[in-house]
């Protein structure tokens, strides 16, 4: 049985500069694979996951926006975990949305993605509702999540994304 190898870890404040640093570190520690498509998928998921964590991070005067990022590899399997604080008022909507997306086939995900792009609705946080769809399309595997209570207003949301290198 192969042991998981940690490729990247970050735990701290999230800013645009930090996102750039994490992505630079990611490209320097790009996982070993002969499959360029897998590398592109991993990078795309990393960008989208970091953007989502930044955009939807629960921040309050007492807390700076924080995230945790962990990328591990076990043979041809990669697990990217990105976690951030979320507003408890948004939590059920988020988990229900992921549960609904996980029920879709890849064909249905692609159709919903295209439909969402063409509707062009931008939310108050600046997104169009494409982030999780992009991640799901790229990973081709169900999204997993865990939630831990922080306080009465927020929880820590940990999204786990699997990517399989089909060249292994």
N, C-alpha and C. Protein backbone atom coordinates (compact mmCIF):
# COMPACT_ATOMS: atom_id res chain seq x y z
N UNK A 1 0.84 -1.18 0.00
CA UNK A 1 0.00 0.00 0.00
C UNK A 1 0.89 1.25 0.00
N UNK A 2 0.61 2.17 -0.89
CA UNK A 2 1.38 3.41 -0.98
C UNK A 2 0.95 4.38 0.12
N UNK A 3 1.92 5.11 0.62
CA UNK A 3 1.62 6.15 1.60
C UNK A 3 1.38 7.46 0.88
N UNK A 4 0.50 8.27 1.44
CA UNK A 4 0.23 9.58 0.87
C UNK A 4 1.44 10.48 1.08
N UNK A 5 1.72 11.28 0.07
CA UNK A 5 2.82 12.23 0.12
C UNK A 5 2.22 13.63 0.11
N UNK A 6 2.60 14.46 1.07
CA UNK A 6 2.13 15.83 1.13
C UNK A 6 2.92 16.66 0.13
N UNK A 7 2.21 17.32 -0.78
CA UNK A 7 2.85 18.14 -1.79
C UNK A 7 2.82 19.62 -1.46
N UNK A 8 1.76 20.05 -0.77
CA UNK A 8 1.59 21.47 -0.48
C UNK A 8 0.69 21.62 0.73
N UNK A 9 1.05 22.54 1.60
CA UNK A 9 0.20 22.84 2.76
C UNK A 9 0.29 24.33 3.06
N UNK A 10 -0.84 24.92 3.37
CA UNK A 10 -0.89 26.33 3.77
C UNK A 10 -2.02 26.47 4.78
N UNK A 11 -1.73 27.24 5.81
CA UNK A 11 -2.72 27.54 6.84
C UNK A 11 -2.48 28.98 7.26
N UNK A 12 -3.39 29.87 6.87
CA UNK A 12 -3.21 31.26 7.24
C UNK A 12 -4.18 32.19 6.56
N UNK A 13 -3.80 33.44 6.58
CA UNK A 13 -4.65 34.49 6.04
C UNK A 13 -4.78 34.36 4.52
N UNK A 14 -5.94 34.73 4.00
CA UNK A 14 -6.18 34.68 2.56
C UNK A 14 -6.34 36.09 2.02
N UNK A 15 -5.47 36.43 1.09
CA UNK A 15 -5.51 37.69 0.36
C UNK A 15 -5.18 37.35 -1.09
N UNK A 16 -5.35 38.31 -1.99
CA UNK A 16 -4.97 38.06 -3.38
C UNK A 16 -3.48 37.76 -3.49
N UNK A 17 -2.66 38.46 -2.71
CA UNK A 17 -1.22 38.20 -2.73
C UNK A 17 -0.91 36.78 -2.26
N UNK A 18 -1.61 36.33 -1.22
CA UNK A 18 -1.40 34.96 -0.71
C UNK A 18 -1.84 33.93 -1.75
N UNK A 19 -2.94 34.21 -2.45
CA UNK A 19 -3.38 33.30 -3.51
C UNK A 19 -2.28 33.16 -4.56
N UNK A 20 -1.70 34.28 -4.94
CA UNK A 20 -0.61 34.25 -5.93
C UNK A 20 0.57 33.44 -5.41
N UNK A 21 0.92 33.62 -4.13
CA UNK A 21 2.02 32.85 -3.53
C UNK A 21 1.71 31.35 -3.53
N UNK A 22 0.50 31.00 -3.16
CA UNK A 22 0.11 29.58 -3.11
C UNK A 22 0.17 28.97 -4.52
N UNK A 23 -0.33 29.70 -5.51
CA UNK A 23 -0.30 29.18 -6.88
C UNK A 23 1.13 29.06 -7.41
N UNK A 24 1.99 30.00 -7.04
CA UNK A 24 3.40 29.90 -7.43
C UNK A 24 4.03 28.68 -6.79
N UNK A 25 3.79 28.49 -5.50
CA UNK A 25 4.31 27.32 -4.80
C UNK A 25 3.77 26.04 -5.43
N UNK A 26 2.50 26.06 -5.78
CA UNK A 26 1.88 24.89 -6.42
C UNK A 26 2.58 24.54 -7.73
N UNK A 27 2.85 25.55 -8.56
CA UNK A 27 3.51 25.27 -9.85
C UNK A 27 4.93 24.77 -9.63
N UNK A 28 5.60 25.23 -8.58
CA UNK A 28 6.95 24.75 -8.28
C UNK A 28 6.95 23.31 -7.78
N UNK A 29 5.88 22.94 -7.09
CA UNK A 29 5.78 21.59 -6.53
C UNK A 29 4.77 20.75 -7.29
N UNK A 30 4.55 21.11 -8.54
CA UNK A 30 3.58 20.39 -9.37
C UNK A 30 3.82 18.89 -9.26
N UNK A 31 2.77 18.16 -9.02
CA UNK A 31 2.92 16.72 -8.85
C UNK A 31 3.55 16.06 -10.08
N UNK A 32 4.27 14.97 -9.81
CA UNK A 32 4.89 14.22 -10.89
C UNK A 32 3.83 13.44 -11.65
N UNK A 33 3.71 13.75 -12.93
CA UNK A 33 2.80 13.02 -13.80
C UNK A 33 3.23 13.27 -15.23
N UNK A 34 3.08 12.27 -16.05
CA UNK A 34 3.37 12.41 -17.48
C UNK A 34 2.14 12.91 -18.22
N UNK A 35 1.08 13.13 -17.50
CA UNK A 35 -0.20 13.51 -18.09
C UNK A 35 -0.40 15.02 -17.95
N UNK A 36 -0.17 15.78 -19.03
CA UNK A 36 -0.33 17.24 -18.92
C UNK A 36 -1.78 17.64 -18.62
N UNK A 37 -2.74 16.85 -19.04
CA UNK A 37 -4.14 17.16 -18.75
C UNK A 37 -4.40 17.11 -17.26
N UNK A 38 -3.80 16.16 -16.56
CA UNK A 38 -3.96 16.05 -15.10
C UNK A 38 -3.39 17.30 -14.43
N UNK A 39 -2.24 17.78 -14.89
CA UNK A 39 -1.64 18.99 -14.32
C UNK A 39 -2.55 20.19 -14.53
N UNK A 40 -3.11 20.29 -15.72
CA UNK A 40 -4.02 21.41 -16.02
C UNK A 40 -5.26 21.33 -15.14
N UNK A 41 -5.81 20.12 -14.98
CA UNK A 41 -6.99 19.93 -14.14
C UNK A 41 -6.68 20.32 -12.70
N UNK A 42 -5.53 19.86 -12.19
CA UNK A 42 -5.14 20.19 -10.81
C UNK A 42 -5.00 21.70 -10.63
N UNK A 43 -4.33 22.36 -11.57
CA UNK A 43 -4.13 23.81 -11.46
C UNK A 43 -5.47 24.54 -11.53
N UNK A 44 -6.32 24.13 -12.44
CA UNK A 44 -7.64 24.76 -12.60
C UNK A 44 -8.46 24.63 -11.32
N UNK A 45 -8.44 23.46 -10.74
CA UNK A 45 -9.19 23.22 -9.50
C UNK A 45 -8.60 24.05 -8.36
N UNK A 46 -7.28 24.14 -8.30
CA UNK A 46 -6.62 24.93 -7.26
C UNK A 46 -7.03 26.40 -7.38
N UNK A 47 -6.98 26.94 -8.60
CA UNK A 47 -7.37 28.35 -8.81
C UNK A 47 -8.81 28.57 -8.38
N UNK A 48 -9.70 27.73 -8.85
CA UNK A 48 -11.12 27.89 -8.56
C UNK A 48 -11.40 27.73 -7.07
N UNK A 49 -10.77 26.73 -6.44
CA UNK A 49 -10.97 26.50 -5.02
C UNK A 49 -10.49 27.66 -4.17
N UNK A 50 -9.32 28.22 -4.52
CA UNK A 50 -8.80 29.37 -3.78
C UNK A 50 -9.69 30.59 -3.97
N UNK A 51 -10.15 30.79 -5.20
CA UNK A 51 -11.04 31.93 -5.46
C UNK A 51 -12.33 31.79 -4.67
N UNK A 52 -12.90 30.60 -4.64
CA UNK A 52 -14.12 30.38 -3.87
C UNK A 52 -13.88 30.62 -2.38
N UNK A 53 -12.77 30.10 -1.86
CA UNK A 53 -12.46 30.27 -0.43
C UNK A 53 -12.27 31.74 -0.10
N UNK A 54 -11.68 32.50 -1.00
CA UNK A 54 -11.48 33.92 -0.77
C UNK A 54 -12.81 34.67 -0.85
N UNK A 55 -13.56 34.40 -1.90
CA UNK A 55 -14.80 35.15 -2.15
C UNK A 55 -15.88 34.85 -1.11
N UNK A 56 -15.94 33.61 -0.64
CA UNK A 56 -17.04 33.20 0.24
C UNK A 56 -16.59 33.01 1.69
N UNK A 57 -15.42 33.51 2.02
CA UNK A 57 -14.91 33.38 3.37
C UNK A 57 -15.70 34.28 4.31
N UNK A 58 -16.10 33.74 5.44
CA UNK A 58 -16.81 34.53 6.44
C UNK A 58 -15.77 35.38 7.16
N UNK A 59 -15.93 36.67 7.06
CA UNK A 59 -15.02 37.53 7.79
C UNK A 59 -15.83 38.44 8.69
N UNK A 60 -15.24 38.73 9.78
CA UNK A 60 -15.87 39.61 10.76
C UNK A 60 -14.78 40.49 11.34
N UNK A 61 -15.15 41.55 12.04
CA UNK A 61 -14.12 42.42 12.62
C UNK A 61 -13.15 41.67 13.54
N UNK A 62 -13.60 40.59 14.16
CA UNK A 62 -12.73 39.86 15.08
C UNK A 62 -11.81 38.88 14.38
N UNK A 63 -12.13 38.50 13.14
CA UNK A 63 -11.37 37.44 12.47
C UNK A 63 -10.95 37.88 11.08
N UNK A 64 -9.68 37.72 10.76
CA UNK A 64 -9.22 37.91 9.40
C UNK A 64 -9.61 36.67 8.59
N UNK A 65 -9.87 36.83 7.31
CA UNK A 65 -10.19 35.64 6.50
C UNK A 65 -9.03 34.64 6.52
N UNK A 66 -9.33 33.42 6.87
CA UNK A 66 -8.33 32.36 6.98
C UNK A 66 -8.72 31.19 6.09
N UNK A 67 -7.69 30.50 5.58
CA UNK A 67 -7.94 29.27 4.82
C UNK A 67 -6.91 28.21 5.21
N UNK A 68 -7.24 26.99 4.85
CA UNK A 68 -6.30 25.88 4.95
C UNK A 68 -6.31 25.19 3.59
N UNK A 69 -5.11 24.87 3.11
CA UNK A 69 -4.96 24.18 1.83
C UNK A 69 -4.02 23.01 2.05
N UNK A 70 -4.39 21.85 1.53
CA UNK A 70 -3.54 20.67 1.63
C UNK A 70 -3.69 19.87 0.35
N UNK A 71 -2.56 19.59 -0.31
CA UNK A 71 -2.55 18.75 -1.50
C UNK A 71 -1.69 17.54 -1.21
N UNK A 72 -2.29 16.36 -1.35
CA UNK A 72 -1.56 15.12 -1.13
C UNK A 72 -1.66 14.25 -2.38
N UNK A 73 -0.70 13.34 -2.51
CA UNK A 73 -0.67 12.41 -3.63
C UNK A 73 -0.45 11.02 -3.09
N UNK A 74 -1.19 10.06 -3.62
CA UNK A 74 -1.02 8.66 -3.30
C UNK A 74 -1.07 7.92 -4.63
N UNK A 75 0.11 7.64 -5.19
CA UNK A 75 0.16 7.04 -6.52
C UNK A 75 -0.40 8.02 -7.54
N UNK A 76 -1.39 7.58 -8.29
CA UNK A 76 -2.02 8.43 -9.29
C UNK A 76 -3.23 9.19 -8.78
N UNK A 77 -3.44 9.17 -7.48
CA UNK A 77 -4.59 9.88 -6.89
C UNK A 77 -4.11 11.11 -6.12
N UNK A 78 -4.78 12.21 -6.37
CA UNK A 78 -4.47 13.46 -5.70
C UNK A 78 -5.71 13.90 -4.92
N UNK A 79 -5.49 14.41 -3.73
CA UNK A 79 -6.57 14.97 -2.93
C UNK A 79 -6.19 16.41 -2.60
N UNK A 80 -7.06 17.32 -3.00
CA UNK A 80 -6.89 18.73 -2.68
C UNK A 80 -7.97 19.09 -1.68
N UNK A 81 -7.55 19.59 -0.53
CA UNK A 81 -8.48 20.05 0.50
C UNK A 81 -8.31 21.54 0.68
N UNK A 82 -9.41 22.25 0.58
CA UNK A 82 -9.40 23.70 0.80
C UNK A 82 -10.50 24.00 1.80
N UNK A 83 -10.13 24.65 2.88
CA UNK A 83 -11.09 24.96 3.93
C UNK A 83 -11.10 26.42 4.28
N UNK A 84 -12.27 26.91 4.66
CA UNK A 84 -12.43 28.29 5.08
C UNK A 84 -13.64 28.43 5.99
N UNK A 85 -13.70 29.58 6.67
CA UNK A 85 -14.85 29.88 7.53
C UNK A 85 -16.03 30.26 6.64
N UNK A 86 -17.19 29.79 7.01
CA UNK A 86 -18.41 30.16 6.30
C UNK A 86 -19.44 30.66 7.29
N UNK A 87 -20.28 31.54 6.82
CA UNK A 87 -21.38 32.07 7.61
C UNK A 87 -22.39 30.93 7.80
N UNK A 88 -22.79 30.69 9.04
CA UNK A 88 -23.76 29.62 9.29
C UNK A 88 -25.07 29.84 8.54
N UNK A 89 -25.41 31.09 8.23
CA UNK A 89 -26.62 31.36 7.46
C UNK A 89 -26.52 30.84 6.03
N UNK A 90 -25.31 30.66 5.52
CA UNK A 90 -25.09 30.19 4.15
C UNK A 90 -24.78 28.70 4.07
N UNK A 91 -24.55 28.08 5.21
CA UNK A 91 -24.04 26.71 5.24
C UNK A 91 -24.98 25.68 4.62
N UNK A 92 -26.24 25.69 4.98
CA UNK A 92 -27.18 24.70 4.45
C UNK A 92 -27.32 24.84 2.93
N UNK A 93 -27.40 26.07 2.46
CA UNK A 93 -27.50 26.30 1.01
C UNK A 93 -26.27 25.72 0.30
N UNK A 94 -25.08 25.92 0.87
CA UNK A 94 -23.85 25.41 0.28
C UNK A 94 -23.82 23.89 0.25
N UNK A 95 -24.11 23.26 1.39
CA UNK A 95 -24.04 21.80 1.44
C UNK A 95 -25.14 21.16 0.59
N UNK A 96 -26.33 21.76 0.57
CA UNK A 96 -27.40 21.25 -0.30
C UNK A 96 -27.00 21.35 -1.77
N UNK A 97 -26.37 22.46 -2.14
CA UNK A 97 -25.93 22.66 -3.51
C UNK A 97 -24.90 21.61 -3.92
N UNK A 98 -23.93 21.35 -3.05
CA UNK A 98 -22.93 20.31 -3.35
C UNK A 98 -23.59 18.95 -3.45
N UNK A 99 -24.51 18.64 -2.54
CA UNK A 99 -25.21 17.35 -2.59
C UNK A 99 -25.98 17.19 -3.90
N UNK A 100 -26.62 18.27 -4.35
CA UNK A 100 -27.35 18.22 -5.63
C UNK A 100 -26.39 18.04 -6.80
N UNK A 101 -25.29 18.77 -6.80
CA UNK A 101 -24.31 18.64 -7.89
C UNK A 101 -23.72 17.24 -7.94
N UNK A 102 -23.48 16.64 -6.79
CA UNK A 102 -22.90 15.30 -6.75
C UNK A 102 -23.82 14.23 -7.35
N UNK A 103 -25.11 14.54 -7.44
CA UNK A 103 -26.07 13.60 -8.02
C UNK A 103 -26.07 13.62 -9.55
N UNK A 104 -25.44 14.63 -10.14
CA UNK A 104 -25.47 14.79 -11.59
C UNK A 104 -24.40 13.95 -12.28
N UNK A 105 -24.71 13.51 -13.48
CA UNK A 105 -23.71 12.84 -14.31
C UNK A 105 -22.79 13.91 -14.89
N UNK A 106 -21.66 13.51 -15.45
CA UNK A 106 -20.75 14.48 -16.06
C UNK A 106 -21.43 15.21 -17.21
N UNK A 107 -22.29 14.54 -17.94
CA UNK A 107 -23.03 15.18 -19.03
C UNK A 107 -23.96 16.25 -18.48
N UNK A 108 -24.65 15.93 -17.38
CA UNK A 108 -25.55 16.90 -16.76
C UNK A 108 -24.78 18.09 -16.16
N UNK A 109 -23.60 17.82 -15.61
CA UNK A 109 -22.76 18.89 -15.07
C UNK A 109 -22.37 19.83 -16.21
N UNK A 110 -21.97 19.27 -17.33
CA UNK A 110 -21.57 20.09 -18.48
C UNK A 110 -22.74 20.94 -18.99
N UNK A 111 -23.92 20.34 -19.07
CA UNK A 111 -25.11 21.09 -19.51
C UNK A 111 -25.44 22.22 -18.54
N UNK A 112 -25.40 21.93 -17.24
CA UNK A 112 -25.69 22.96 -16.24
C UNK A 112 -24.65 24.07 -16.29
N UNK A 113 -23.40 23.71 -16.48
CA UNK A 113 -22.32 24.69 -16.60
C UNK A 113 -22.59 25.62 -17.78
N UNK A 114 -22.89 25.05 -18.93
CA UNK A 114 -23.16 25.86 -20.12
C UNK A 114 -24.39 26.74 -19.93
N UNK A 115 -25.42 26.20 -19.31
CA UNK A 115 -26.63 26.98 -19.04
C UNK A 115 -26.32 28.15 -18.11
N UNK A 116 -25.52 27.89 -17.08
CA UNK A 116 -25.17 28.92 -16.11
C UNK A 116 -24.34 30.02 -16.78
N UNK A 117 -23.42 29.64 -17.65
CA UNK A 117 -22.61 30.63 -18.37
C UNK A 117 -23.50 31.54 -19.21
N UNK A 118 -24.45 30.94 -19.91
CA UNK A 118 -25.30 31.72 -20.82
C UNK A 118 -26.32 32.60 -20.10
N UNK A 119 -26.67 32.25 -18.87
CA UNK A 119 -27.59 33.08 -18.11
C UNK A 119 -26.92 34.37 -17.66
N UNK A 120 -25.62 34.31 -17.40
CA UNK A 120 -24.85 35.50 -17.08
C UNK A 120 -25.23 36.24 -15.83
N UNK A 121 -25.85 35.59 -14.84
CA UNK A 121 -26.24 36.25 -13.59
C UNK A 121 -25.04 36.34 -12.65
N UNK A 122 -24.71 37.53 -12.22
CA UNK A 122 -23.60 37.75 -11.29
C UNK A 122 -24.18 38.03 -9.90
N UNK A 123 -23.67 37.31 -8.90
CA UNK A 123 -24.17 37.47 -7.53
C UNK A 123 -23.59 38.71 -6.88
N UNK A 124 -24.09 39.03 -5.69
CA UNK A 124 -23.59 40.19 -4.96
C UNK A 124 -22.13 40.02 -4.54
N UNK A 125 -21.64 38.77 -4.48
CA UNK A 125 -20.24 38.53 -4.13
C UNK A 125 -19.34 38.50 -5.37
N UNK A 126 -19.93 38.73 -6.54
CA UNK A 126 -19.14 38.83 -7.75
C UNK A 126 -19.00 37.55 -8.54
N UNK A 127 -19.63 36.47 -8.11
CA UNK A 127 -19.54 35.20 -8.82
C UNK A 127 -20.77 34.95 -9.67
N UNK A 128 -20.66 33.95 -10.50
CA UNK A 128 -21.78 33.59 -11.37
C UNK A 128 -22.32 32.20 -11.04
N UNK A 129 -21.85 31.61 -9.94
CA UNK A 129 -22.31 30.28 -9.56
C UNK A 129 -21.61 29.17 -10.33
N UNK A 130 -20.45 29.48 -10.88
CA UNK A 130 -19.73 28.50 -11.69
C UNK A 130 -18.64 27.75 -10.94
N UNK A 131 -18.20 28.28 -9.81
CA UNK A 131 -17.04 27.72 -9.11
C UNK A 131 -17.11 26.24 -8.83
N UNK A 132 -18.13 25.80 -8.14
CA UNK A 132 -18.25 24.37 -7.81
C UNK A 132 -18.48 23.54 -9.06
N UNK A 133 -19.20 24.11 -10.04
CA UNK A 133 -19.40 23.39 -11.31
C UNK A 133 -18.07 23.18 -12.03
N UNK A 134 -17.23 24.21 -12.06
CA UNK A 134 -15.91 24.09 -12.69
C UNK A 134 -15.07 23.02 -11.98
N UNK A 135 -15.10 23.05 -10.66
CA UNK A 135 -14.34 22.07 -9.88
C UNK A 135 -14.84 20.66 -10.17
N UNK A 136 -16.14 20.48 -10.15
CA UNK A 136 -16.73 19.17 -10.39
C UNK A 136 -16.43 18.67 -11.80
N UNK A 137 -16.51 19.58 -12.77
CA UNK A 137 -16.19 19.22 -14.16
C UNK A 137 -14.74 18.77 -14.29
N UNK A 138 -13.84 19.47 -13.63
CA UNK A 138 -12.42 19.15 -13.74
C UNK A 138 -12.03 17.90 -12.96
N UNK A 139 -12.62 17.72 -11.80
CA UNK A 139 -12.23 16.57 -10.97
C UNK A 139 -12.85 15.27 -11.47
N UNK A 140 -14.05 15.37 -12.02
CA UNK A 140 -14.80 14.21 -12.53
C UNK A 140 -15.17 13.21 -11.43
N UNK A 141 -15.05 13.65 -10.17
CA UNK A 141 -15.40 12.79 -9.04
C UNK A 141 -16.24 13.61 -8.07
N UNK A 142 -17.11 12.96 -7.30
CA UNK A 142 -17.95 13.70 -6.34
C UNK A 142 -17.11 14.52 -5.37
N UNK A 143 -17.67 15.67 -4.99
CA UNK A 143 -17.02 16.53 -4.02
C UNK A 143 -17.40 16.07 -2.62
N UNK A 144 -16.45 16.09 -1.73
CA UNK A 144 -16.70 15.72 -0.33
C UNK A 144 -16.47 16.96 0.52
N UNK A 145 -17.14 16.99 1.66
CA UNK A 145 -16.96 18.12 2.56
C UNK A 145 -17.17 17.68 4.00
N UNK A 146 -16.58 18.48 4.89
CA UNK A 146 -16.78 18.31 6.32
C UNK A 146 -17.00 19.69 6.91
N UNK A 147 -17.80 19.75 7.95
CA UNK A 147 -18.13 21.02 8.60
C UNK A 147 -17.84 20.90 10.09
N UNK A 148 -17.15 21.89 10.62
CA UNK A 148 -16.87 21.95 12.06
C UNK A 148 -17.38 23.28 12.60
N UNK A 149 -18.09 23.22 13.70
CA UNK A 149 -18.58 24.45 14.32
C UNK A 149 -17.41 25.28 14.85
N UNK A 150 -17.50 26.59 14.66
CA UNK A 150 -16.52 27.51 15.23
C UNK A 150 -17.18 28.30 16.35
N UNK A 151 -18.29 28.95 16.02
CA UNK A 151 -19.05 29.71 17.00
C UNK A 151 -20.49 29.81 16.50
N UNK A 152 -21.30 30.63 17.13
CA UNK A 152 -22.71 30.69 16.76
C UNK A 152 -22.94 31.32 15.38
N UNK A 153 -21.94 32.03 14.87
CA UNK A 153 -22.11 32.72 13.58
C UNK A 153 -21.42 32.01 12.42
N UNK A 154 -20.42 31.17 12.71
CA UNK A 154 -19.64 30.60 11.62
C UNK A 154 -19.20 29.17 11.89
N UNK A 155 -18.85 28.50 10.79
CA UNK A 155 -18.33 27.14 10.84
C UNK A 155 -17.14 27.06 9.91
N UNK A 156 -16.33 26.02 10.09
CA UNK A 156 -15.23 25.79 9.17
C UNK A 156 -15.69 24.76 8.16
N UNK A 157 -15.59 25.12 6.89
CA UNK A 157 -16.02 24.27 5.79
C UNK A 157 -14.78 23.75 5.08
N UNK A 158 -14.64 22.42 5.02
CA UNK A 158 -13.47 21.78 4.43
C UNK A 158 -13.94 20.99 3.20
N UNK A 159 -13.57 21.47 2.01
CA UNK A 159 -13.94 20.83 0.75
C UNK A 159 -12.80 19.93 0.31
N UNK A 160 -13.11 18.69 0.00
CA UNK A 160 -12.11 17.71 -0.43
C UNK A 160 -12.41 17.30 -1.87
N UNK A 161 -11.41 17.48 -2.73
CA UNK A 161 -11.57 17.25 -4.16
C UNK A 161 -10.57 16.18 -4.59
N UNK A 162 -11.06 15.14 -5.22
CA UNK A 162 -10.20 14.05 -5.71
C UNK A 162 -9.94 14.22 -7.20
N UNK A 163 -8.71 13.97 -7.59
CA UNK A 163 -8.34 14.01 -8.99
C UNK A 163 -7.51 12.76 -9.25
N UNK A 164 -7.86 12.01 -10.28
CA UNK A 164 -7.14 10.80 -10.61
C UNK A 164 -6.33 11.02 -11.88
N UNK A 165 -5.05 10.69 -11.80
CA UNK A 165 -4.17 10.75 -12.96
C UNK A 165 -4.37 9.45 -13.74
N UNK A 166 -5.02 9.55 -14.87
CA UNK A 166 -5.35 8.35 -15.65
C UNK A 166 -4.15 7.75 -16.36
N UNK A 167 -2.98 8.42 -16.32
CA UNK A 167 -1.78 7.87 -16.96
C UNK A 167 -1.06 6.88 -16.05
N UNK A 168 -1.44 6.84 -14.78
CA UNK A 168 -0.77 5.94 -13.82
C UNK A 168 -1.40 4.56 -13.85
